[in-house]
Protein backbone atom coordinates (compact mmCIF):
# COMPACT_ATOMS: atom_id res chain seq x y z
CA MET A 1 -18.69 17.44 5.57
CA SER A 2 -14.87 17.01 5.23
CA ASN A 3 -14.00 13.85 3.10
CA GLN A 4 -10.39 13.63 4.95
CA PRO A 5 -9.92 10.23 6.54
CA PRO A 6 -9.84 10.44 10.40
CA SER A 7 -6.36 11.52 11.78
CA LEU A 8 -4.26 8.78 13.78
CA PHE A 9 -5.26 10.51 17.12
CA ALA A 10 -9.14 10.18 16.12
CA ARG A 11 -8.42 6.73 15.38
CA ILE A 12 -6.45 5.88 18.55
CA LEU A 13 -9.45 7.63 20.46
CA HIS A 14 -11.96 5.36 18.87
CA ARG A 15 -10.08 2.09 19.29
CA LEU A 16 -9.79 3.19 22.92
CA ARG A 17 -13.44 3.80 23.38
CA PHE A 18 -14.43 0.45 22.30
CA ARG A 19 -11.59 -1.49 23.37
CA LEU A 20 -12.46 -0.59 27.24
CA TYR A 21 -14.41 -2.44 29.14
CA GLY A 22 -17.59 -1.10 31.18
CA HIS A 23 -16.26 -2.13 34.79
CA ARG A 24 -13.31 -4.15 36.15
CA ALA A 25 -15.44 -7.25 36.10
CA GLY A 26 -14.55 -7.62 32.39
CA LEU A 27 -17.91 -7.21 31.07
CA GLY A 28 -18.12 -5.96 27.34
CA GLN A 29 -20.08 -2.98 25.42
CA PRO A 30 -21.86 -4.43 22.61
CA ILE A 31 -21.90 -2.12 19.76
CA PRO A 32 -25.23 -1.92 17.47
CA PRO A 33 -25.03 -2.61 13.78
CA THR A 34 -26.20 0.70 13.05
CA VAL A 35 -23.26 2.25 14.72
CA LEU A 36 -20.75 -0.16 13.30
CA ASP A 37 -22.48 0.83 9.59
CA GLN A 38 -21.92 4.71 10.55
CA GLU A 39 -18.11 3.96 11.71
CA TYR A 40 -17.28 2.08 7.94
CA ALA A 41 -19.16 5.02 5.99
CA THR A 42 -16.98 7.46 7.50
CA GLY A 43 -13.64 5.63 7.24
CA ALA A 44 -13.33 4.95 11.12
CA TRP A 45 -12.23 1.16 10.35
CA ASP A 46 -10.24 1.90 6.99
CA HIS A 47 -7.01 1.16 8.78
CA PHE A 48 -7.81 -2.42 9.25
CA PHE A 49 -6.28 -2.52 5.66
CA GLY A 50 -3.02 -0.53 6.38
CA PRO A 51 0.09 -1.15 8.19
CA ASP A 52 -1.17 -0.47 11.69
CA GLU A 53 -3.23 -3.94 11.66
CA LEU A 54 -1.03 -5.96 9.67
CA PRO A 55 1.43 -7.21 12.40
CA ARG A 56 -1.35 -8.95 14.27
CA HIS A 57 -3.53 -10.11 11.26
CA GLU A 58 0.15 -11.76 9.96
CA VAL A 59 0.54 -13.57 13.52
CA LEU A 60 -3.19 -14.59 13.49
CA VAL A 61 -2.62 -16.56 9.88
CA ALA A 62 0.43 -18.16 11.11
CA LEU A 63 -1.60 -19.21 14.29
CA ILE A 64 -4.32 -20.61 11.97
CA ARG A 65 -1.75 -22.35 9.74
CA ALA A 66 -0.30 -24.03 13.12
CA ALA A 67 -3.63 -24.95 14.39
CA HIS A 68 -4.82 -27.43 11.85
CA LEU A 69 -3.44 -28.81 8.46
CA GLN A 70 -6.76 -28.56 6.64
CA PRO A 71 -8.70 -25.58 8.50
CA CYS A 72 -12.37 -25.23 7.94
CA LEU A 73 -11.99 -21.70 9.53
CA LEU A 74 -14.90 -19.31 11.17
CA ASP A 75 -13.64 -15.90 11.33
CA LEU A 76 -16.07 -14.18 13.68
CA GLY A 77 -15.78 -10.64 13.74
CA CYS A 78 -14.61 -10.62 9.82
CA GLY A 79 -15.62 -7.05 9.45
CA SER A 80 -14.57 -5.82 6.05
CA GLY A 81 -12.48 -9.00 5.40
CA ARG A 82 -9.15 -8.04 6.14
CA LEU A 83 -8.04 -11.54 7.41
CA ALA A 84 -9.71 -13.31 4.75
CA SER A 85 -7.57 -10.86 2.22
CA LEU A 86 -4.60 -12.45 3.68
CA LEU A 87 -5.39 -16.24 3.68
CA ASP A 88 -4.54 -18.84 0.87
CA PRO A 89 -7.90 -20.47 -0.57
CA ALA A 90 -5.62 -23.65 -1.38
CA ALA A 91 -4.79 -23.94 2.60
CA LEU A 92 -8.45 -24.01 3.31
CA THR A 93 -11.06 -26.44 3.49
CA GLY A 94 -13.79 -24.06 4.20
CA TYR A 95 -14.31 -20.27 5.66
CA LEU A 96 -17.10 -18.63 6.77
CA GLY A 97 -16.68 -15.07 7.68
CA VAL A 98 -19.43 -13.59 10.32
CA ASP A 99 -20.04 -10.02 11.39
CA ILE A 100 -22.93 -8.07 12.74
CA SER A 101 -22.29 -5.27 10.29
CA PRO A 102 -24.01 -5.17 7.13
CA GLU A 103 -21.89 -2.59 5.75
CA GLY A 104 -18.53 -4.07 7.15
CA LEU A 105 -19.87 -7.64 5.11
CA ARG A 106 -20.71 -5.66 1.81
CA ARG A 107 -17.04 -4.38 1.93
CA ALA A 108 -15.86 -7.89 2.44
CA ARG A 109 -17.80 -9.45 -0.46
CA ALA A 110 -16.81 -6.50 -2.68
CA LEU A 111 -13.02 -8.10 -2.02
CA ALA A 112 -14.53 -10.72 -4.63
CA ARG A 113 -12.24 -13.56 -3.16
CA PRO A 114 -12.24 -17.16 -4.86
CA ALA A 115 -14.02 -19.92 -2.89
CA PRO A 116 -13.73 -20.61 -0.16
CA LEU A 117 -12.98 -17.06 0.92
CA ASP A 118 -15.96 -15.54 -0.89
CA ARG A 119 -18.80 -16.89 1.99
CA PHE A 120 -19.97 -13.84 4.34
CA GLU A 121 -22.76 -13.64 6.70
CA GLN A 122 -24.56 -11.36 9.12
CA HIS A 123 -25.11 -12.63 12.26
CA ASP A 124 -24.45 -11.93 16.17
CA PHE A 125 -22.28 -14.24 17.57
CA GLU A 126 -24.13 -13.70 20.79
CA THR A 127 -27.23 -15.14 19.52
CA TRP A 128 -26.32 -17.24 16.73
CA THR A 129 -24.62 -20.65 16.97
CA PRO A 130 -23.08 -22.65 13.70
CA ALA A 131 -23.48 -26.77 13.68
CA PRO A 132 -21.24 -28.52 15.70
CA GLY A 133 -18.27 -30.00 14.52
CA HIS A 134 -18.45 -28.02 11.01
CA PHE A 135 -15.49 -25.65 11.84
CA ASN A 136 -12.33 -27.29 13.07
CA VAL A 137 -10.70 -23.64 13.82
CA ILE A 138 -12.69 -20.41 14.97
CA THR A 139 -11.11 -17.32 15.35
CA PHE A 140 -12.48 -14.24 17.49
CA ASN A 141 -10.99 -11.57 15.33
CA GLU A 142 -10.70 -8.91 17.89
CA CYS A 143 -14.56 -9.16 18.95
CA LEU A 144 -14.46 -11.18 22.11
CA GLY A 145 -14.01 -8.45 24.10
CA TYR A 146 -17.43 -7.00 23.20
CA ALA A 147 -19.25 -9.99 24.50
CA PRO A 148 -21.04 -9.25 27.97
CA ASP A 149 -19.47 -12.40 29.49
CA PRO A 150 -16.48 -13.51 27.05
CA LEU A 151 -15.80 -16.38 29.31
CA ARG A 152 -19.36 -17.92 28.61
CA THR A 153 -19.29 -17.05 24.86
CA ALA A 154 -15.82 -18.43 24.77
CA ARG A 155 -17.10 -21.76 26.33
CA ARG A 156 -19.94 -21.94 24.01
CA PHE A 157 -17.88 -21.87 20.74
CA ALA A 158 -15.37 -23.88 21.91
CA ALA A 159 -18.04 -26.80 22.44
CA LEU A 160 -18.69 -26.75 18.97
CA LEU A 161 -15.16 -27.86 17.97
CA PRO A 162 -13.91 -31.22 17.12
CA PRO A 163 -11.42 -32.69 19.07
CA ASP A 164 -8.60 -31.74 17.18
CA GLY A 165 -10.18 -28.17 16.65
CA ALA A 166 -8.64 -24.62 17.83
CA LEU A 167 -10.15 -21.63 19.22
CA LEU A 168 -7.88 -18.72 18.77
CA VAL A 169 -8.15 -15.14 20.21
CA SER A 170 -7.05 -11.76 19.26
CA HIS A 171 -7.32 -9.13 21.53
CA PHE A 172 -6.05 -5.36 21.74
CA ARG A 173 -4.16 -4.71 24.72
CA SER A 174 -5.97 -1.92 26.54
CA THR A 175 -5.93 -0.94 30.29
CA ASN A 176 -7.73 -3.84 31.45
CA HIS A 177 -6.61 -6.75 28.95
CA ALA A 178 -5.05 -8.70 32.13
CA GLU A 179 -8.68 -9.03 33.20
CA PHE A 180 -9.61 -10.24 29.86
CA TRP A 181 -7.23 -13.13 30.29
CA LEU A 182 -7.89 -13.71 34.05
CA ARG A 183 -11.47 -14.38 33.33
CA LEU A 184 -10.69 -17.01 30.36
CA GLY A 185 -7.87 -18.36 32.55
CA ARG A 186 -10.56 -19.83 34.76
CA ALA A 187 -11.76 -22.41 32.29
CA PHE A 188 -9.04 -22.41 29.46
CA ASP A 189 -5.44 -23.07 29.18
CA PHE A 190 -3.39 -21.34 26.34
CA PRO A 191 -1.11 -23.52 24.56
CA GLU A 192 0.19 -20.92 21.97
CA GLN A 193 0.55 -17.34 23.08
CA ARG A 194 2.01 -14.76 20.92
CA THR A 195 2.18 -10.71 20.85
CA ALA A 196 1.89 -8.31 17.78
CA THR A 197 3.31 -4.88 17.77
CA ASN A 198 2.91 -2.17 15.38
CA ALA A 199 4.99 0.76 14.43
CA GLN A 200 2.78 3.08 16.85
CA GLY A 201 3.65 0.73 19.80
CA GLN A 202 0.05 -0.65 19.93
CA VAL A 203 0.01 -4.31 21.11
CA TRP A 204 -2.10 -7.33 20.59
CA ASP A 205 -2.37 -10.59 22.45
CA LEU A 206 -3.34 -13.71 20.54
CA ARG A 207 -3.69 -16.87 21.96
CA SER A 208 -5.33 -20.28 21.70
CA LEU A 209 -7.41 -21.74 23.70
CA ARG A 210 -7.72 -25.16 25.25
CA LEU A 211 -10.72 -25.79 27.38
CA ARG A 212 -10.13 -27.83 30.61
CA ARG A 213 -11.94 -31.11 30.77
């Protein structure tokens, strides 16, 4: 078996495979932890720490800073900890990275970041719910698109935020990204809307979500 990292073409195919929904209704395709673990082991997600993903992470960091003066952050879909590696621990009052992949979390913990950026737990956000009001900023870090019902999932986590809290979503722009945001727009406004583009021409939409009352 070759130890060479996957080619750019292979990485793009990988991204497309898991960014596209099953049908036009916008329902996601959850990925089993064992599949993600195998992909981490074969290097399929190593590009998270490369230049291709940096533009969207920089925008996400800026949105977190703008969302709250003292963020207590829940990083859903934290993976191997790329977002945590870019955050200033002194600017946070708390942090929890959550992912479904044990291998991704093992790599995140290996970063040995200072507190509070050293907290990572394995959960499936479709079945796990944190304590209401504990976090004032929640990010769906390229993971809400995997939810069978993104709108329902976003509403559930928005309900956990305090009145001054912020829900942030990063979503890769694929062939059905408009449908994804249309579904969320049934219940949410988007006070902040930004895009990130890398040198390969890949585009991400990053938005804050405000639940309509």
